[in-house]
């Protein structure tokens, strides 16, 4: 096993991973955190066809169609986009009986839902 410390630097990560692939001839690479370093690595690893298992990545990175990159969970800042909206929508529904499916949830949408609701 070969270990390089990229010091959470995206530039160093790319340099070390390329060395691991081209000089050390590794077959599989693992990444760490932060997701910013992993995002910088994804195109490089795709270029060399190396499977990459990381500990974080930006959601938008996975929309680029890379086939060799696996990482979870997304960045903590992206969890905020994923988890609270459905939880808030469920809380509104349980509180007032109105299901709002289009974000953002606003008082106007809630009132419109209340007015259009059958009693």
PDB file of N, CA and C in Angstrom:
ATOM      1  N   UNK A   1       0.851  -1.169   0.000  1.00  0.00           N
ATOM      2  CA  UNK A   1       0.000   0.000   0.000  1.00  0.00           C
ATOM      3  C   UNK A   1       0.898   1.235   0.000  1.00  0.00           C
ATOM      4  N   UNK A   2       0.497   2.218  -0.790  1.00  0.00           N
ATOM      5  CA  UNK A   2       1.234   3.476  -0.897  1.00  0.00           C
ATOM      6  C   UNK A   2       0.358   4.590  -0.362  1.00  0.00           C
ATOM      7  N   UNK A   3       0.914   5.444   0.484  1.00  0.00           N
ATOM      8  CA  UNK A   3       0.163   6.544   1.076  1.00  0.00           C
ATOM      9  C   UNK A   3       0.915   7.848   0.817  1.00  0.00           C
ATOM     10  N   UNK A   4       0.192   8.814   0.270  1.00  0.00           N
ATOM     11  CA  UNK A   4       0.716  10.167   0.096  1.00  0.00           C
ATOM     12  C   UNK A   4      -0.179  11.107   0.884  1.00  0.00           C
ATOM     13  N   UNK A   5       0.413  12.119   1.506  1.00  0.00           N
ATOM     14  CA  UNK A   5      -0.367  13.116   2.239  1.00  0.00           C
ATOM     15  C   UNK A   5      -0.492  14.368   1.379  1.00  0.00           C
ATOM     16  N   UNK A   6      -1.684  14.597   0.857  1.00  0.00           N
ATOM     17  CA  UNK A   6      -1.895  15.771   0.008  1.00  0.00           C
ATOM     18  C   UNK A   6      -2.205  17.027   0.818  1.00  0.00           C
ATOM     19  N   UNK A   7      -2.250  16.903   2.148  1.00  0.00           N
ATOM     20  CA  UNK A   7      -2.487  18.035   3.051  1.00  0.00           C
ATOM     21  C   UNK A   7      -3.781  18.775   2.700  1.00  0.00           C
ATOM     22  N   UNK A   8      -4.753  18.047   2.190  1.00  0.00           N
ATOM     23  CA  UNK A   8      -6.056  18.608   1.784  1.00  0.00           C
ATOM     24  C   UNK A   8      -5.935  19.652   0.688  1.00  0.00           C
ATOM     25  N   UNK A   9      -4.877  19.568  -0.080  1.00  0.00           N
ATOM     26  CA  UNK A   9      -4.667  20.483  -1.204  1.00  0.00           C
ATOM     27  C   UNK A   9      -5.067  19.787  -2.499  1.00  0.00           C
ATOM     28  N   UNK A  10      -5.972  20.390  -3.240  1.00  0.00           N
ATOM     29  CA  UNK A  10      -6.412  19.801  -4.507  1.00  0.00           C
ATOM     30  C   UNK A  10      -5.248  19.667  -5.480  1.00  0.00           C
ATOM     31  N   UNK A  11      -4.376  20.679  -5.547  1.00  0.00           N
ATOM     32  CA  UNK A  11      -3.233  20.627  -6.464  1.00  0.00           C
ATOM     33  C   UNK A  11      -2.275  19.498  -6.102  1.00  0.00           C
ATOM     34  N   UNK A  12      -1.973  19.366  -4.814  1.00  0.00           N
ATOM     35  CA  UNK A  12      -1.087  18.278  -4.382  1.00  0.00           C
ATOM     36  C   UNK A  12      -1.736  16.917  -4.604  1.00  0.00           C
ATOM     37  N   UNK A  13      -3.042  16.851  -4.392  1.00  0.00           N
ATOM     38  CA  UNK A  13      -3.748  15.584  -4.593  1.00  0.00           C
ATOM     39  C   UNK A  13      -3.599  15.124  -6.036  1.00  0.00           C
ATOM     40  N   UNK A  14      -3.807  16.012  -6.990  1.00  0.00           N
ATOM     41  CA  UNK A  14      -3.683  15.660  -8.404  1.00  0.00           C
ATOM     42  C   UNK A  14      -2.260  15.198  -8.710  1.00  0.00           C
ATOM     43  N   UNK A  15      -1.271  15.917  -8.209  1.00  0.00           N
ATOM     44  CA  UNK A  15       0.131  15.551  -8.434  1.00  0.00           C
ATOM     45  C   UNK A  15       0.442  14.171  -7.872  1.00  0.00           C
ATOM     46  N   UNK A  16       0.046  13.925  -6.619  1.00  0.00           N
ATOM     47  CA  UNK A  16       0.358  12.646  -5.973  1.00  0.00           C
ATOM     48  C   UNK A  16      -0.394  11.479  -6.606  1.00  0.00           C
ATOM     49  N   UNK A  17      -1.649  11.696  -6.973  1.00  0.00           N
ATOM     50  CA  UNK A  17      -2.419  10.614  -7.574  1.00  0.00           C
ATOM     51  C   UNK A  17      -1.876  10.277  -8.962  1.00  0.00           C
ATOM     52  N   UNK A  18      -1.481  11.292  -9.706  1.00  0.00           N
ATOM     53  CA  UNK A  18      -0.909  11.004 -11.018  1.00  0.00           C
ATOM     54  C   UNK A  18       0.400  10.234 -10.865  1.00  0.00           C
ATOM     55  N   UNK A  19       1.188  10.576  -9.854  1.00  0.00           N
ATOM     56  CA  UNK A  19       2.422   9.833  -9.579  1.00  0.00           C
ATOM     57  C   UNK A  19       2.095   8.390  -9.195  1.00  0.00           C
ATOM     58  N   UNK A  20       1.094   8.215  -8.348  1.00  0.00           N
ATOM     59  CA  UNK A  20       0.719   6.866  -7.919  1.00  0.00           C
ATOM     60  C   UNK A  20       0.299   6.005  -9.116  1.00  0.00           C
ATOM     61  N   UNK A  21      -0.394   6.611 -10.064  1.00  0.00           N
ATOM     62  CA  UNK A  21      -0.883   5.876 -11.229  1.00  0.00           C
ATOM     63  C   UNK A  21       0.237   5.615 -12.240  1.00  0.00           C
ATOM     64  N   UNK A  22       1.000   6.644 -12.561  1.00  0.00           N
ATOM     65  CA  UNK A  22       1.974   6.525 -13.651  1.00  0.00           C
ATOM     66  C   UNK A  22       3.324   5.972 -13.207  1.00  0.00           C
ATOM     67  N   UNK A  23       3.739   6.255 -11.987  1.00  0.00           N
ATOM     68  CA  UNK A  23       5.054   5.803 -11.506  1.00  0.00           C
ATOM     69  C   UNK A  23       4.925   4.557 -10.637  1.00  0.00           C
ATOM     70  N   UNK A  24       4.019   4.623  -9.658  1.00  0.00           N
ATOM     71  CA  UNK A  24       3.855   3.502  -8.723  1.00  0.00           C
ATOM     72  C   UNK A  24       2.987   2.384  -9.305  1.00  0.00           C
ATOM     73  N   UNK A  25       2.273   2.671 -10.395  1.00  0.00           N
ATOM     74  CA  UNK A  25       1.444   1.684 -11.105  1.00  0.00           C
ATOM     75  C   UNK A  25       0.368   1.038 -10.230  1.00  0.00           C
ATOM     76  N   UNK A  26      -0.336   1.858  -9.458  1.00  0.00           N
ATOM     77  CA  UNK A  26      -1.417   1.337  -8.615  1.00  0.00           C
ATOM     78  C   UNK A  26      -2.632   0.991  -9.473  1.00  0.00           C
ATOM     79  N   UNK A  27      -3.448   0.078  -8.959  1.00  0.00           N
ATOM     80  CA  UNK A  27      -4.657  -0.338  -9.666  1.00  0.00           C
ATOM     81  C   UNK A  27      -5.925   0.295  -9.124  1.00  0.00           C
ATOM     82  N   UNK A  28      -5.905   0.676  -7.863  1.00  0.00           N
ATOM     83  CA  UNK A  28      -7.088   1.207  -7.183  1.00  0.00           C
ATOM     84  C   UNK A  28      -6.634   2.331  -6.270  1.00  0.00           C
ATOM     85  N   UNK A  29      -7.404   3.400  -6.218  1.00  0.00           N
ATOM     86  CA  UNK A  29      -7.041   4.521  -5.349  1.00  0.00           C
ATOM     87  C   UNK A  29      -8.217   4.891  -4.456  1.00  0.00           C
ATOM     88  N   UNK A  30      -7.893   5.312  -3.256  1.00  0.00           N
ATOM     89  CA  UNK A  30      -8.881   5.780  -2.297  1.00  0.00           C
ATOM     90  C   UNK A  30      -8.592   7.230  -1.987  1.00  0.00           C
ATOM     91  N   UNK A  31      -9.639   7.987  -1.737  1.00  0.00           N
ATOM     92  CA  UNK A  31      -9.470   9.389  -1.398  1.00  0.00           C
ATOM     93  C   UNK A  31     -10.006   9.662  -0.018  1.00  0.00           C
ATOM     94  N   UNK A  32      -9.749  10.841   0.421  1.00  0.00           N
ATOM     95  CA  UNK A  32     -10.228  11.247   1.733  1.00  0.00           C
ATOM     96  C   UNK A  32     -11.116  12.453   1.624  1.00  0.00           C
ATOM     97  N   UNK A  33     -11.019  13.285   2.592  1.00  0.00           N
ATOM     98  CA  UNK A  33     -11.759  14.521   2.634  1.00  0.00           C
ATOM     99  C   UNK A  33     -10.753  15.629   2.485  1.00  0.00           C
ATOM    100  N   UNK A  34     -10.970  16.751   1.965  1.00  0.00           N
ATOM    101  CA  UNK A  34     -12.262  17.323   1.621  1.00  0.00           C
ATOM    102  C   UNK A  34     -12.710  16.958   0.219  1.00  0.00           C
ATOM    103  N   UNK A  35     -13.954  17.223  -0.043  1.00  0.00           N
ATOM    104  CA  UNK A  35     -14.523  16.948  -1.344  1.00  0.00           C
ATOM    105  C   UNK A  35     -13.876  17.755  -2.455  1.00  0.00           C
ATOM    106  N   UNK A  36     -13.339  18.929  -2.125  1.00  0.00           N
ATOM    107  CA  UNK A  36     -12.715  19.757  -3.162  1.00  0.00           C
ATOM    108  C   UNK A  36     -11.529  19.039  -3.796  1.00  0.00           C
ATOM    109  N   UNK A  37     -10.754  18.309  -2.998  1.00  0.00           N
ATOM    110  CA  UNK A  37      -9.637  17.539  -3.557  1.00  0.00           C
ATOM    111  C   UNK A  37     -10.178  16.396  -4.408  1.00  0.00           C
ATOM    112  N   UNK A  38     -11.228  15.742  -3.934  1.00  0.00           N
ATOM    113  CA  UNK A  38     -11.805  14.635  -4.696  1.00  0.00           C
ATOM    114  C   UNK A  38     -12.357  15.105  -6.035  1.00  0.00           C
ATOM    115  N   UNK A  39     -12.963  16.263  -6.047  1.00  0.00           N
ATOM    116  CA  UNK A  39     -13.511  16.810  -7.290  1.00  0.00           C
ATOM    117  C   UNK A  39     -12.391  17.052  -8.299  1.00  0.00           C
ATOM    118  N   UNK A  40     -11.257  17.540  -7.826  1.00  0.00           N
ATOM    119  CA  UNK A  40     -10.116  17.777  -8.712  1.00  0.00           C
ATOM    120  C   UNK A  40      -9.553  16.467  -9.253  1.00  0.00           C
ATOM    121  N   UNK A  41      -9.690  15.396  -8.493  1.00  0.00           N
ATOM    122  CA  UNK A  41      -9.148  14.096  -8.900  1.00  0.00           C
ATOM    123  C   UNK A  41     -10.016  13.361  -9.912  1.00  0.00           C
ATOM    124  N   UNK A  42     -11.309  13.593  -9.891  1.00  0.00           N
ATOM    125  CA  UNK A  42     -12.223  12.807 -10.716  1.00  0.00           C
ATOM    126  C   UNK A  42     -11.871  12.790 -12.197  1.00  0.00           C
ATOM    127  N   UNK A  43     -11.594  13.921 -12.835  1.00  0.00           N
ATOM    128  CA  UNK A  43     -11.227  13.868 -14.259  1.00  0.00           C
ATOM    129  C   UNK A  43      -9.918  13.116 -14.503  1.00  0.00           C
ATOM    130  N   UNK A  44      -8.948  13.269 -13.594  1.00  0.00           N
ATOM    131  CA  UNK A  44      -7.665  12.582 -13.725  1.00  0.00           C
ATOM    132  C   UNK A  44      -7.858  11.066 -13.673  1.00  0.00           C
ATOM    133  N   UNK A  45      -8.628  10.612 -12.722  1.00  0.00           N
ATOM    134  CA  UNK A  45      -8.837   9.174 -12.557  1.00  0.00           C
ATOM    135  C   UNK A  45      -9.673   8.605 -13.693  1.00  0.00           C
ATOM    136  N   UNK A  46     -10.574   9.395 -14.207  1.00  0.00           N
ATOM    137  CA  UNK A  46     -11.346   8.983 -15.372  1.00  0.00           C
ATOM    138  C   UNK A  46     -10.424   8.834 -16.583  1.00  0.00           C
ATOM    139  N   UNK A  47      -9.502   9.774 -16.721  1.00  0.00           N
ATOM    140  CA  UNK A  47      -8.535   9.758 -17.825  1.00  0.00           C
ATOM    141  C   UNK A  47      -7.728   8.455 -17.831  1.00  0.00           C
ATOM    142  N   UNK A  48      -7.322   8.013 -16.652  1.00  0.00           N
ATOM    143  CA  UNK A  48      -6.502   6.806 -16.546  1.00  0.00           C
ATOM    144  C   UNK A  48      -7.334   5.537 -16.337  1.00  0.00           C
ATOM    145  N   UNK A  49      -8.640   5.672 -16.214  1.00  0.00           N
ATOM    146  CA  UNK A  49      -9.497   4.508 -16.040  1.00  0.00           C
ATOM    147  C   UNK A  49      -9.277   3.791 -14.719  1.00  0.00           C
ATOM    148  N   UNK A  50      -9.018   4.554 -13.661  1.00  0.00           N
ATOM    149  CA  UNK A  50      -8.771   3.975 -12.347  1.00  0.00           C
ATOM    150  C   UNK A  50      -9.991   4.154 -11.453  1.00  0.00           C
ATOM    151  N   UNK A  51     -10.394   3.084 -10.811  1.00  0.00           N
ATOM    152  CA  UNK A  51     -11.516   3.154  -9.869  1.00  0.00           C
ATOM    153  C   UNK A  51     -11.077   3.986  -8.677  1.00  0.00           C
ATOM    154  N   UNK A  52     -11.928   4.914  -8.287  1.00  0.00           N
ATOM    155  CA  UNK A  52     -11.639   5.824  -7.184  1.00  0.00           C
ATOM    156  C   UNK A  52     -12.780   5.767  -6.185  1.00  0.00           C
ATOM    157  N   UNK A  53     -12.438   5.487  -4.954  1.00  0.00           N
ATOM    158  CA  UNK A  53     -13.417   5.479  -3.877  1.00  0.00           C
ATOM    159  C   UNK A  53     -13.036   6.600  -2.926  1.00  0.00           C
ATOM    160  N   UNK A  54     -13.870   7.633  -2.859  1.00  0.00           N
ATOM    161  CA  UNK A  54     -13.578   8.792  -2.026  1.00  0.00           C
ATOM    162  C   UNK A  54     -14.548   8.916  -0.878  1.00  0.00           C
ATOM    163  N   UNK A  55     -14.234   9.819   0.019  1.00  0.00           N
ATOM    164  CA  UNK A  55     -15.087  10.056   1.184  1.00  0.00           C
ATOM    165  C   UNK A  55     -15.931  11.301   1.038  1.00  0.00           C
ATOM    166  N   UNK A  56     -15.861  11.961  -0.073  1.00  0.00           N
ATOM    167  CA  UNK A  56     -16.687  13.150  -0.254  1.00  0.00           C
ATOM    168  C   UNK A  56     -16.557  13.661  -1.669  1.00  0.00           C
ATOM    169  N   UNK A  57     -17.546  14.325  -2.102  1.00  0.00           N
ATOM    170  CA  UNK A  57     -17.524  14.902  -3.437  1.00  0.00           C
ATOM    171  C   UNK A  57     -18.695  15.836  -3.593  1.00  0.00           C
ATOM    172  N   UNK A  58     -18.601  16.707  -4.535  1.00  0.00           N
ATOM    173  CA  UNK A  58     -19.704  17.613  -4.807  1.00  0.00           C
ATOM    174  C   UNK A  58     -20.753  16.883  -5.629  1.00  0.00           C
ATOM    175  N   UNK A  59     -22.009  17.098  -5.320  1.00  0.00           N
ATOM    176  CA  UNK A  59     -23.078  16.441  -6.063  1.00  0.00           C
ATOM    177  C   UNK A  59     -22.967  16.705  -7.560  1.00  0.00           C
ATOM    178  N   UNK A  60     -22.600  17.924  -7.927  1.00  0.00           N
ATOM    179  CA  UNK A  60     -22.498  18.269  -9.338  1.00  0.00           C
ATOM    180  C   UNK A  60     -21.419  17.447 -10.039  1.00  0.00           C
ATOM    181  N   UNK A  61     -20.420  16.991  -9.292  1.00  0.00           N
ATOM    182  CA  UNK A  61     -19.359  16.183  -9.890  1.00  0.00           C
ATOM    183  C   UNK A  61     -19.903  14.870 -10.415  1.00  0.00           C
ATOM    184  N   UNK A  62     -20.884  14.327  -9.717  1.00  0.00           N
ATOM    185  CA  UNK A  62     -21.416  13.036 -10.106  1.00  0.00           C
ATOM    186  C   UNK A  62     -22.379  13.147 -11.288  1.00  0.00           C
ATOM    187  N   UNK A  63     -22.734  14.352 -11.644  1.00  0.00           N
ATOM    188  CA  UNK A  63     -23.595  14.573 -12.801  1.00  0.00           C
ATOM    189  C   UNK A  63     -22.794  14.685 -14.087  1.00  0.00           C
ATOM    190  N   UNK A  64     -21.474  14.565 -14.004  1.00  0.00           N
ATOM    191  CA  UNK A  64     -20.618  14.710 -15.177  1.00  0.00           C
ATOM    192  C   UNK A  64     -20.439  13.406 -15.941  1.00  0.00           C
ATOM    193  N   UNK A  65     -21.009  12.322 -15.445  1.00  0.00           N
ATOM    194  CA  UNK A  65     -20.951  11.063 -16.169  1.00  0.00           C
ATOM    195  C   UNK A  65     -19.692  10.253 -15.964  1.00  0.00           C
ATOM    196  N   UNK A  66     -18.932  10.546 -14.916  1.00  0.00           N
ATOM    197  CA  UNK A  66     -17.742   9.743 -14.639  1.00  0.00           C
ATOM    198  C   UNK A  66     -18.159   8.316 -14.306  1.00  0.00           C
ATOM    199  N   UNK A  67     -17.415   7.347 -14.804  1.00  0.00           N
ATOM    200  CA  UNK A  67     -17.777   5.950 -14.579  1.00  0.00           C
ATOM    201  C   UNK A  67     -16.887   5.251 -13.566  1.00  0.00           C
ATOM    202  N   UNK A  68     -15.782   5.849 -13.180  1.00  0.00           N
ATOM    203  CA  UNK A  68     -14.836   5.196 -12.276  1.00  0.00           C
ATOM    204  C   UNK A  68     -14.814   5.816 -10.874  1.00  0.00           C
ATOM    205  N   UNK A  69     -15.658   6.793 -10.634  1.00  0.00           N
ATOM    206  CA  UNK A  69     -15.611   7.539  -9.385  1.00  0.00           C
ATOM    207  C   UNK A  69     -16.795   7.221  -8.489  1.00  0.00           C
ATOM    208  N   UNK A  70     -16.494   6.872  -7.255  1.00  0.00           N
ATOM    209  CA  UNK A  70     -17.516   6.595  -6.253  1.00  0.00           C
ATOM    210  C   UNK A  70     -17.148   7.365  -5.001  1.00  0.00           C
ATOM    211  N   UNK A  71     -18.069   8.088  -4.443  1.00  0.00           N
ATOM    212  CA  UNK A  71     -17.786   8.833  -3.225  1.00  0.00           C
ATOM    213  C   UNK A  71     -19.073   9.116  -2.486  1.00  0.00           C
ATOM    214  N   UNK A  72     -18.986   9.046  -1.199  1.00  0.00           N
ATOM    215  CA  UNK A  72     -20.128   9.350  -0.357  1.00  0.00           C
ATOM    216  C   UNK A  72     -19.613   9.623   1.038  1.00  0.00           C
ATOM    217  N   UNK A  73     -20.213  10.458   1.773  1.00  0.00           N
ATOM    218  CA  UNK A  73     -21.356  11.299   1.465  1.00  0.00           C
ATOM    219  C   UNK A  73     -20.922  12.554   0.730  1.00  0.00           C
ATOM    220  N   UNK A  74     -21.890  13.311   0.222  1.00  0.00           N
ATOM    221  CA  UNK A  74     -21.525  14.586  -0.394  1.00  0.00           C
ATOM    222  C   UNK A  74     -21.042  15.561   0.667  1.00  0.00           C
ATOM    223  N   UNK A  75     -20.606  16.700   0.231  1.00  0.00           N
ATOM    224  CA  UNK A  75     -20.149  17.731   1.156  1.00  0.00           C
ATOM    225  C   UNK A  75     -21.252  18.092   2.148  1.00  0.00           C
ATOM    226  N   UNK A  76     -20.864  18.432   3.348  1.00  0.00           N
ATOM    227  CA  UNK A  76     -21.847  18.788   4.377  1.00  0.00           C
ATOM    228  C   UNK A  76     -22.737  19.940   3.906  1.00  0.00           C
ATOM    229  N   UNK A  77     -22.168  20.888   3.168  1.00  0.00           N
ATOM    230  CA  UNK A  77     -22.984  22.011   2.699  1.00  0.00           C
ATOM    231  C   UNK A  77     -24.071  21.549   1.741  1.00  0.00           C
ATOM    232  N   UNK A  78     -23.864  20.415   1.068  1.00  0.00           N
ATOM    233  CA  UNK A  78     -24.883  19.918   0.148  1.00  0.00           C
ATOM    234  C   UNK A  78     -25.953  19.108   0.861  1.00  0.00           C
ATOM    235  N   UNK A  79     -25.651  18.574   2.053  1.00  0.00           N
ATOM    236  CA  UNK A  79     -26.686  17.888   2.832  1.00  0.00           C
ATOM    237  C   UNK A  79     -27.805  18.862   3.166  1.00  0.00           C
ATOM    238  N   UNK A  80     -27.445  20.121   3.355  1.00  0.00           N
ATOM    239  CA  UNK A  80     -28.445  21.141   3.671  1.00  0.00           C
ATOM    240  C   UNK A  80     -29.455  21.267   2.542  1.00  0.00           C
ATOM    241  N   UNK A  81     -29.010  21.039   1.319  1.00  0.00           N
ATOM    242  CA  UNK A  81     -29.908  21.122   0.165  1.00  0.00           C
ATOM    243  C   UNK A  81     -30.759  19.864   0.029  1.00  0.00           C
ATOM    244  N   UNK A  82     -30.274  18.745   0.539  1.00  0.00           N
ATOM    245  CA  UNK A  82     -30.954  17.470   0.338  1.00  0.00           C
ATOM    246  C   UNK A  82     -31.973  17.132   1.419  1.00  0.00           C
ATOM    247  N   UNK A  83     -31.613  17.327   2.667  1.00  0.00           N
ATOM    248  CA  UNK A  83     -32.409  16.798   3.773  1.00  0.00           C
ATOM    249  C   UNK A  83     -33.521  17.736   4.254  1.00  0.00           C
ATOM    250  N   UNK A  84     -33.249  18.996   4.571  1.00  0.00           N
ATOM    251  CA  UNK A  84     -34.304  19.829   5.165  1.00  0.00           C
ATOM    252  C   UNK A  84     -35.544  20.074   4.319  1.00  0.00           C
ATOM    253  N   UNK A  85     -35.454  20.330   3.008  1.00  0.00           N
ATOM    254  CA  UNK A  85     -36.698  20.638   2.283  1.00  0.00           C
ATOM    255  C   UNK A  85     -37.793  19.583   2.414  1.00  0.00           C
ATOM    256  N   UNK A  86     -37.493  18.288   2.229  1.00  0.00           N
ATOM    257  CA  UNK A  86     -38.575  17.314   2.403  1.00  0.00           C
ATOM    258  C   UNK A  86     -39.068  17.236   3.850  1.00  0.00           C
ATOM    259  N   UNK A  87     -38.168  17.415   4.796  1.00  0.00           N
ATOM    260  CA  UNK A  87     -38.569  17.374   6.203  1.00  0.00           C
ATOM    261  C   UNK A  87     -39.492  18.550   6.526  1.00  0.00           C
ATOM    262  N   UNK A  88     -39.169  19.715   6.004  1.00  0.00           N
ATOM    263  CA  UNK A  88     -40.011  20.895   6.235  1.00  0.00           C
ATOM    264  C   UNK A  88     -41.361  20.712   5.548  1.00  0.00           C
ATOM    265  N   UNK A  89     -41.350  20.189   4.321  1.00  0.00           N
ATOM    266  CA  UNK A  89     -42.605  19.962   3.603  1.00  0.00           C
ATOM    267  C   UNK A  89     -43.493  18.993   4.377  1.00  0.00           C
ATOM    268  N   UNK A  90     -42.901  17.950   4.945  1.00  0.00           N
ATOM    269  CA  UNK A  90     -43.693  17.007   5.750  1.00  0.00           C
ATOM    270  C   UNK A  90     -44.221  17.664   7.013  1.00  0.00           C
ATOM    271  N   UNK A  91     -43.429  18.531   7.623  1.00  0.00           N
ATOM    272  CA  UNK A  91     -43.882  19.227   8.834  1.00  0.00           C
ATOM    273  C   UNK A  91     -45.065  20.142   8.518  1.00  0.00           C
ATOM    274  N   UNK A  92     -45.004  20.852   7.380  1.00  0.00           N
ATOM    275  CA  UNK A  92     -46.123  21.713   6.970  1.00  0.00           C
ATOM    276  C   UNK A  92     -47.364  20.855   6.738  1.00  0.00           C
ATOM    277  N   UNK A  93     -47.196  19.741   6.045  1.00  0.00           N
ATOM    278  CA  UNK A  93     -48.328  18.859   5.772  1.00  0.00           C
ATOM    279  C   UNK A  93     -48.969  18.352   7.061  1.00  0.00           C
ATOM    280  N   UNK A  94     -48.142  17.939   7.993  1.00  0.00           N
ATOM    281  CA  UNK A  94     -48.684  17.416   9.253  1.00  0.00           C
ATOM    282  C   UNK A  94     -49.346  18.514  10.084  1.00  0.00           C
ATOM    283  N   UNK A  95     -48.834  19.715   9.963  1.00  0.00           N
ATOM    284  CA  UNK A  95     -49.372  20.812  10.763  1.00  0.00           C
ATOM    285  C   UNK A  95     -50.686  21.357  10.203  1.00  0.00           C
ATOM    286  N   UNK A  96     -50.755  21.513   8.870  1.00  0.00           N
ATOM    287  CA  UNK A  96     -51.931  22.171   8.296  1.00  0.00           C
ATOM    288  C   UNK A  96     -52.635  21.352   7.226  1.00  0.00           C
ATOM    289  N   UNK A  97     -52.096  20.190   6.886  1.00  0.00           N
ATOM    290  CA  UNK A  97     -52.755  19.330   5.916  1.00  0.00           C
ATOM    291  C   UNK A  97     -52.584  19.745   4.477  1.00  0.00           C
ATOM    292  N   UNK A  98     -51.564  20.544   4.192  1.00  0.00           N
ATOM    293  CA  UNK A  98     -51.313  20.991   2.825  1.00  0.00           C
ATOM    294  C   UNK A  98     -49.971  20.423   2.371  1.00  0.00           C
ATOM    295  N   UNK A  99     -50.001  19.708   1.254  1.00  0.00           N
ATOM    296  CA  UNK A  99     -48.766  19.143   0.692  1.00  0.00           C
ATOM    297  C   UNK A  99     -48.232  20.111  -0.351  1.00  0.00           C
ATOM    298  N   UNK A 100     -47.063  20.688  -0.102  1.00  0.00           N
ATOM    299  CA  UNK A 100     -46.426  21.611  -1.041  1.00  0.00           C
ATOM    300  C   UNK A 100     -45.265  20.877  -1.701  1.00  0.00           C
ATOM    301  N   UNK A 101     -45.327  20.775  -3.025  1.00  0.00           N
ATOM    302  CA  UNK A 101     -44.323  19.997  -3.757  1.00  0.00           C
ATOM    303  C   UNK A 101     -43.310  20.868  -4.481  1.00  0.00           C
ATOM    304  N   UNK A 102     -43.626  22.145  -4.655  1.00  0.00           N
ATOM    305  CA  UNK A 102     -42.725  23.046  -5.367  1.00  0.00           C
ATOM    306  C   UNK A 102     -41.987  23.935  -4.381  1.00  0.00           C
ATOM    307  N   UNK A 103     -40.659  23.866  -4.417  1.00  0.00           N
ATOM    308  CA  UNK A 103     -39.848  24.708  -3.540  1.00  0.00           C
ATOM    309  C   UNK A 103     -39.645  26.066  -4.187  1.00  0.00           C
ATOM    310  N   UNK A 104     -39.479  27.099  -3.406  1.00  0.00           N
ATOM    311  CA  UNK A 104     -39.448  27.083  -1.945  1.00  0.00           C
ATOM    312  C   UNK A 104     -40.862  27.045  -1.359  1.00  0.00           C
ATOM    313  N   UNK A 105     -40.937  26.592  -0.140  1.00  0.00           N
ATOM    314  CA  UNK A 105     -42.202  26.596   0.594  1.00  0.00           C
ATOM    315  C   UNK A 105     -42.405  28.014   1.117  1.00  0.00           C
ATOM    316  N   UNK A 106     -43.511  28.615   0.748  1.00  0.00           N
ATOM    317  CA  UNK A 106     -43.781  29.996   1.167  1.00  0.00           C
ATOM    318  C   UNK A 106     -45.128  30.072   1.865  1.00  0.00           C
ATOM    319  N   UNK A 107     -45.348  31.119   2.640  1.00  0.00           N
ATOM    320  CA  UNK A 107     -46.666  31.307   3.249  1.00  0.00           C
ATOM    321  C   UNK A 107     -47.775  31.388   2.205  1.00  0.00           C
ATOM    322  N   UNK A 108     -47.463  32.018   1.066  1.00  0.00           N
ATOM    323  CA  UNK A 108     -48.466  32.155   0.014  1.00  0.00           C
ATOM    324  C   UNK A 108     -48.891  30.790  -0.528  1.00  0.00           C
ATOM    325  N   UNK A 109     -47.947  29.907  -0.759  1.00  0.00           N
ATOM    326  CA  UNK A 109     -48.278  28.572  -1.254  1.00  0.00           C
ATOM    327  C   UNK A 109     -49.082  27.792  -0.214  1.00  0.00           C
ATOM    328  N   UNK A 110     -48.722  27.991   1.042  1.00  0.00           N
ATOM    329  CA  UNK A 110     -49.460  27.309   2.115  1.00  0.00           C
ATOM    330  C   UNK A 110     -50.890  27.810   2.170  1.00  0.00           C
ATOM    331  N   UNK A 111     -51.079  29.135   2.107  1.00  0.00           N
ATOM    332  CA  UNK A 111     -52.430  29.701   2.125  1.00  0.00           C
ATOM    333  C   UNK A 111     -53.229  29.280   0.899  1.00  0.00           C
ATOM    334  N   UNK A 112     -52.571  29.275  -0.273  1.00  0.00           N
ATOM    335  CA  UNK A 112     -53.257  28.816  -1.487  1.00  0.00           C
ATOM    336  C   UNK A 112     -53.716  27.370  -1.323  1.00  0.00           C
ATOM    337  N   UNK A 113     -52.879  26.565  -0.720  1.00  0.00           N
ATOM    338  CA  UNK A 113     -53.238  25.170  -0.485  1.00  0.00           C
ATOM    339  C   UNK A 113     -54.378  25.030   0.469  1.00  0.00           C
ATOM    340  N   UNK A 114     -54.396  25.872   1.495  1.00  0.00           N
ATOM    341  CA  UNK A 114     -55.499  25.834   2.472  1.00  0.00           C
ATOM    342  C   UNK A 114     -56.819  26.262   1.812  1.00  0.00           C
ATOM    343  N   UNK A 115     -56.759  27.279   0.969  1.00  0.00           N
ATOM    344  CA  UNK A 115     -57.962  27.751   0.300  1.00  0.00           C
ATOM    345  C   UNK A 115     -58.493  26.733  -0.710  1.00  0.00           C
ATOM    346  N   UNK A 116     -57.610  25.963  -1.335  1.00  0.00           N
ATOM    347  CA  UNK A 116     -58.040  25.009  -2.345  1.00  0.00           C
ATOM    348  C   UNK A 116     -58.332  23.621  -1.779  1.00  0.00           C
ATOM    349  N   UNK A 117     -58.139  23.451  -0.511  1.00  0.00           N
ATOM    350  CA  UNK A 117     -58.331  22.146   0.119  1.00  0.00           C
ATOM    351  C   UNK A 117     -59.796  21.863   0.339  1.00  0.00           C
ATOM    352  N   UNK A 118     -60.196  20.651   0.078  1.00  0.00           N
ATOM    353  CA  UNK A 118     -61.585  20.265   0.346  1.00  0.00           C
ATOM    354  C   UNK A 118     -61.727  19.937   1.813  1.00  0.00           C
ATOM    355  N   UNK A 119     -62.754  20.426   2.419  1.00  0.00           N
ATOM    356  CA  UNK A 119     -62.999  20.172   3.855  1.00  0.00           C
ATOM    357  C   UNK A 119     -63.697  18.853   4.042  1.00  0.00           C
TER     358      UNK A 119
END
